[in-house]
Amino acid sequence: MSGSYKYFVLYLNVLVPTTVATPDELFIHVPKDVKWRKLWITAMRRADPLSNKTTAFVCEDHFNLEQDMENYVKFQIMKEGPIRLRPGVIPHKFIFQKSQTTAHI
């Protein structure tokens, strides 16, 4: 991907990739909608609350982009534009640390 990069830190706490450390990594916005934000936070097993005003991101490693994106083919061809997830998709690929408990969605 070309162009300028903003510095983002991943919301999960396992490896903490950033746009500087992993510039080719895609970062997906955590939804602003309260219901969906809560579902994402639960799926990510986050104990700390995330303000509804906080802009947060999850890296592509926690999705199967080919299946989870509505515009996957177009995005692969164009290499730019918005990432549009299919309705109802939440982060679902995780390797949790032993100290984290099971999430119930």
C-alpha atoms as a PDB file:
ATOM      1  CA  MET A   1       0.000   0.000   0.000  1.00  0.00           C
ATOM      2  CA  SER A   2       1.319   3.410  -0.836  1.00  0.00           C
ATOM      3  CA  GLY A   3       0.713   6.855   0.588  1.00  0.00           C
ATOM      4  CA  SER A   4       1.022   8.386   3.987  1.00  0.00           C
ATOM      5  CA  TYR A   5       0.193   6.452   7.113  1.00  0.00           C
ATOM      6  CA  LYS A   6      -1.355   7.552  10.338  1.00  0.00           C
ATOM      7  CA  TYR A   7      -0.079   5.927  13.503  1.00  0.00           C
ATOM      8  CA  PHE A   8      -2.630   3.507  14.966  1.00  0.00           C
ATOM      9  CA  VAL A   9      -2.248   1.107  17.847  1.00  0.00           C
ATOM     10  CA  LEU A  10      -4.210  -2.106  17.866  1.00  0.00           C
ATOM     11  CA  TYR A  11      -6.916  -2.372  20.516  1.00  0.00           C
ATOM     12  CA  LEU A  12      -6.069  -5.971  21.436  1.00  0.00           C
ATOM     13  CA  ASN A  13      -3.207  -6.506  23.855  1.00  0.00           C
ATOM     14  CA  VAL A  14      -1.426  -9.574  22.529  1.00  0.00           C
ATOM     15  CA  LEU A  15       1.308  -8.391  20.132  1.00  0.00           C
ATOM     16  CA  VAL A  16       0.337  -4.736  19.649  1.00  0.00           C
ATOM     17  CA  PRO A  17       1.075  -4.206  15.956  1.00  0.00           C
ATOM     18  CA  THR A  18       0.990  -0.611  14.765  1.00  0.00           C
ATOM     19  CA  THR A  19       0.845   1.051  11.375  1.00  0.00           C
ATOM     20  CA  VAL A  20       4.514   1.928  11.830  1.00  0.00           C
ATOM     21  CA  ALA A  21       5.667  -1.580  12.787  1.00  0.00           C
ATOM     22  CA  THR A  22       3.396  -3.287  10.229  1.00  0.00           C
ATOM     23  CA  PRO A  23       2.634  -0.731   7.477  1.00  0.00           C
ATOM     24  CA  ASP A  24       1.020  -3.273   5.121  1.00  0.00           C
ATOM     25  CA  GLU A  25      -1.408  -4.506   7.777  1.00  0.00           C
ATOM     26  CA  LEU A  26      -5.049  -3.455   7.410  1.00  0.00           C
ATOM     27  CA  PHE A  27      -6.737  -1.909  10.437  1.00  0.00           C
ATOM     28  CA  ILE A  28     -10.522  -2.119  10.796  1.00  0.00           C
ATOM     29  CA  HIS A  29     -12.456   0.435  12.835  1.00  0.00           C
ATOM     30  CA  VAL A  30     -14.185  -0.828  15.965  1.00  0.00           C
ATOM     31  CA  PRO A  31     -17.842   0.161  15.384  1.00  0.00           C
ATOM     32  CA  LYS A  32     -19.204   3.304  17.040  1.00  0.00           C
ATOM     33  CA  ASP A  33     -22.657   1.727  17.432  1.00  0.00           C
ATOM     34  CA  VAL A  34     -22.945   0.843  21.141  1.00  0.00           C
ATOM     35  CA  LYS A  35     -24.479  -2.613  20.558  1.00  0.00           C
ATOM     36  CA  TRP A  36     -21.874  -3.690  17.995  1.00  0.00           C
ATOM     37  CA  ARG A  37     -18.991  -2.121  19.927  1.00  0.00           C
ATOM     38  CA  LYS A  38     -19.984  -4.153  22.992  1.00  0.00           C
ATOM     39  CA  LEU A  39     -20.102  -7.368  20.907  1.00  0.00           C
ATOM     40  CA  TRP A  40     -16.633  -6.675  19.497  1.00  0.00           C
ATOM     41  CA  ILE A  41     -15.195  -5.891  22.946  1.00  0.00           C
ATOM     42  CA  THR A  42     -16.711  -9.093  24.361  1.00  0.00           C
ATOM     43  CA  ALA A  43     -15.290 -11.140  21.470  1.00  0.00           C
ATOM     44  CA  MET A  44     -11.858  -9.599  22.103  1.00  0.00           C
ATOM     45  CA  ARG A  45     -12.087 -10.442  25.827  1.00  0.00           C
ATOM     46  CA  ARG A  46     -11.255  -6.916  26.869  1.00  0.00           C
ATOM     47  CA  ALA A  47     -11.760  -6.313  30.586  1.00  0.00           C
ATOM     48  CA  ASP A  48     -11.199  -2.567  30.374  1.00  0.00           C
ATOM     49  CA  PRO A  49     -14.051  -0.431  29.068  1.00  0.00           C
ATOM     50  CA  LEU A  50     -13.735   1.412  25.779  1.00  0.00           C
ATOM     51  CA  SER A  51     -15.406   4.797  25.640  1.00  0.00           C
ATOM     52  CA  ASN A  52     -17.985   5.237  22.896  1.00  0.00           C
ATOM     53  CA  LYS A  53     -15.996   8.307  21.821  1.00  0.00           C
ATOM     54  CA  THR A  54     -12.678   6.466  21.469  1.00  0.00           C
ATOM     55  CA  THR A  55     -11.519   5.622  17.964  1.00  0.00           C
ATOM     56  CA  ALA A  56     -10.125   2.097  18.053  1.00  0.00           C
ATOM     57  CA  PHE A  57      -8.937  -0.413  15.471  1.00  0.00           C
ATOM     58  CA  VAL A  58      -8.497  -4.160  15.125  1.00  0.00           C
ATOM     59  CA  CYS A  59      -5.923  -5.530  12.692  1.00  0.00           C
ATOM     60  CA  GLU A  60      -6.785  -7.844   9.830  1.00  0.00           C
ATOM     61  CA  ASP A  61      -5.283 -10.849  11.635  1.00  0.00           C
ATOM     62  CA  HIS A  62      -8.538 -11.221  13.572  1.00  0.00           C
ATOM     63  CA  PHE A  63     -10.696 -11.626  10.469  1.00  0.00           C
ATOM     64  CA  ASN A  64     -10.866 -13.886   7.432  1.00  0.00           C
ATOM     65  CA  LEU A  65     -10.954 -10.967   5.002  1.00  0.00           C
ATOM     66  CA  GLU A  66     -11.860 -13.034   1.943  1.00  0.00           C
ATOM     67  CA  GLN A  67     -15.053 -14.218   3.671  1.00  0.00           C
ATOM     68  CA  ASP A  68     -15.689 -11.280   6.016  1.00  0.00           C
ATOM     69  CA  MET A  69     -15.401  -8.344   3.582  1.00  0.00           C
ATOM     70  CA  GLU A  70     -18.206  -7.315   1.233  1.00  0.00           C
ATOM     71  CA  ASN A  71     -15.758  -5.646  -1.141  1.00  0.00           C
ATOM     72  CA  TYR A  72     -12.791  -8.029  -0.869  1.00  0.00           C
ATOM     73  CA  VAL A  73     -12.175  -8.528  -4.613  1.00  0.00           C
ATOM     74  CA  LYS A  74     -12.457  -4.810  -5.390  1.00  0.00           C
ATOM     75  CA  PHE A  75     -10.172  -3.987  -2.464  1.00  0.00           C
ATOM     76  CA  GLN A  76      -7.566  -6.513  -3.658  1.00  0.00           C
ATOM     77  CA  ILE A  77      -7.596  -5.020  -7.155  1.00  0.00           C
ATOM     78  CA  MET A  78      -7.660  -1.332  -6.171  1.00  0.00           C
ATOM     79  CA  LYS A  79      -5.567  -1.640  -2.950  1.00  0.00           C
ATOM     80  CA  GLU A  80      -7.449   1.313  -1.486  1.00  0.00           C
ATOM     81  CA  GLY A  81     -10.877   2.461  -0.411  1.00  0.00           C
ATOM     82  CA  PRO A  82     -13.005   1.628   2.590  1.00  0.00           C
ATOM     83  CA  ILE A  83     -12.993  -1.805   4.157  1.00  0.00           C
ATOM     84  CA  ARG A  84     -16.628  -2.927   4.273  1.00  0.00           C
ATOM     85  CA  LEU A  85     -17.310  -5.917   6.478  1.00  0.00           C
ATOM     86  CA  ARG A  86     -20.339  -8.106   5.839  1.00  0.00           C
ATOM     87  CA  PRO A  87     -23.265  -7.473   8.217  1.00  0.00           C
ATOM     88  CA  GLY A  88     -22.849  -9.203  11.566  1.00  0.00           C
ATOM     89  CA  VAL A  89     -19.103  -9.843  11.287  1.00  0.00           C
ATOM     90  CA  ILE A  90     -17.107  -9.481  14.494  1.00  0.00           C
ATOM     91  CA  PRO A  91     -13.415 -10.254  15.096  1.00  0.00           C
ATOM     92  CA  HIS A  92     -13.171 -14.039  15.392  1.00  0.00           C
ATOM     93  CA  LYS A  93      -9.562 -15.187  14.965  1.00  0.00           C
ATOM     94  CA  PHE A  94      -7.645 -15.057  18.249  1.00  0.00           C
ATOM     95  CA  ILE A  95      -4.785 -16.668  20.131  1.00  0.00           C
ATOM     96  CA  PHE A  96      -5.493 -15.623  23.691  1.00  0.00           C
ATOM     97  CA  GLN A  97      -2.987 -15.378  26.491  1.00  0.00           C
ATOM     98  CA  LYS A  98      -3.456 -17.900  29.311  1.00  0.00           C
ATOM     99  CA  SER A  99      -4.465 -15.126  31.720  1.00  0.00           C
ATOM    100  CA  GLN A 100      -7.511 -14.251  29.642  1.00  0.00           C
ATOM    101  CA  THR A 101     -10.834 -15.964  30.240  1.00  0.00           C
ATOM    102  CA  THR A 102     -13.327 -17.317  27.758  1.00  0.00           C
ATOM    103  CA  ALA A 103     -15.661 -14.808  26.169  1.00  0.00           C
ATOM    104  CA  HIS A 104     -19.373 -15.563  26.039  1.00  0.00           C
ATOM    105  CA  ILE A 105     -21.198 -13.864  23.192  1.00  0.00           C
END
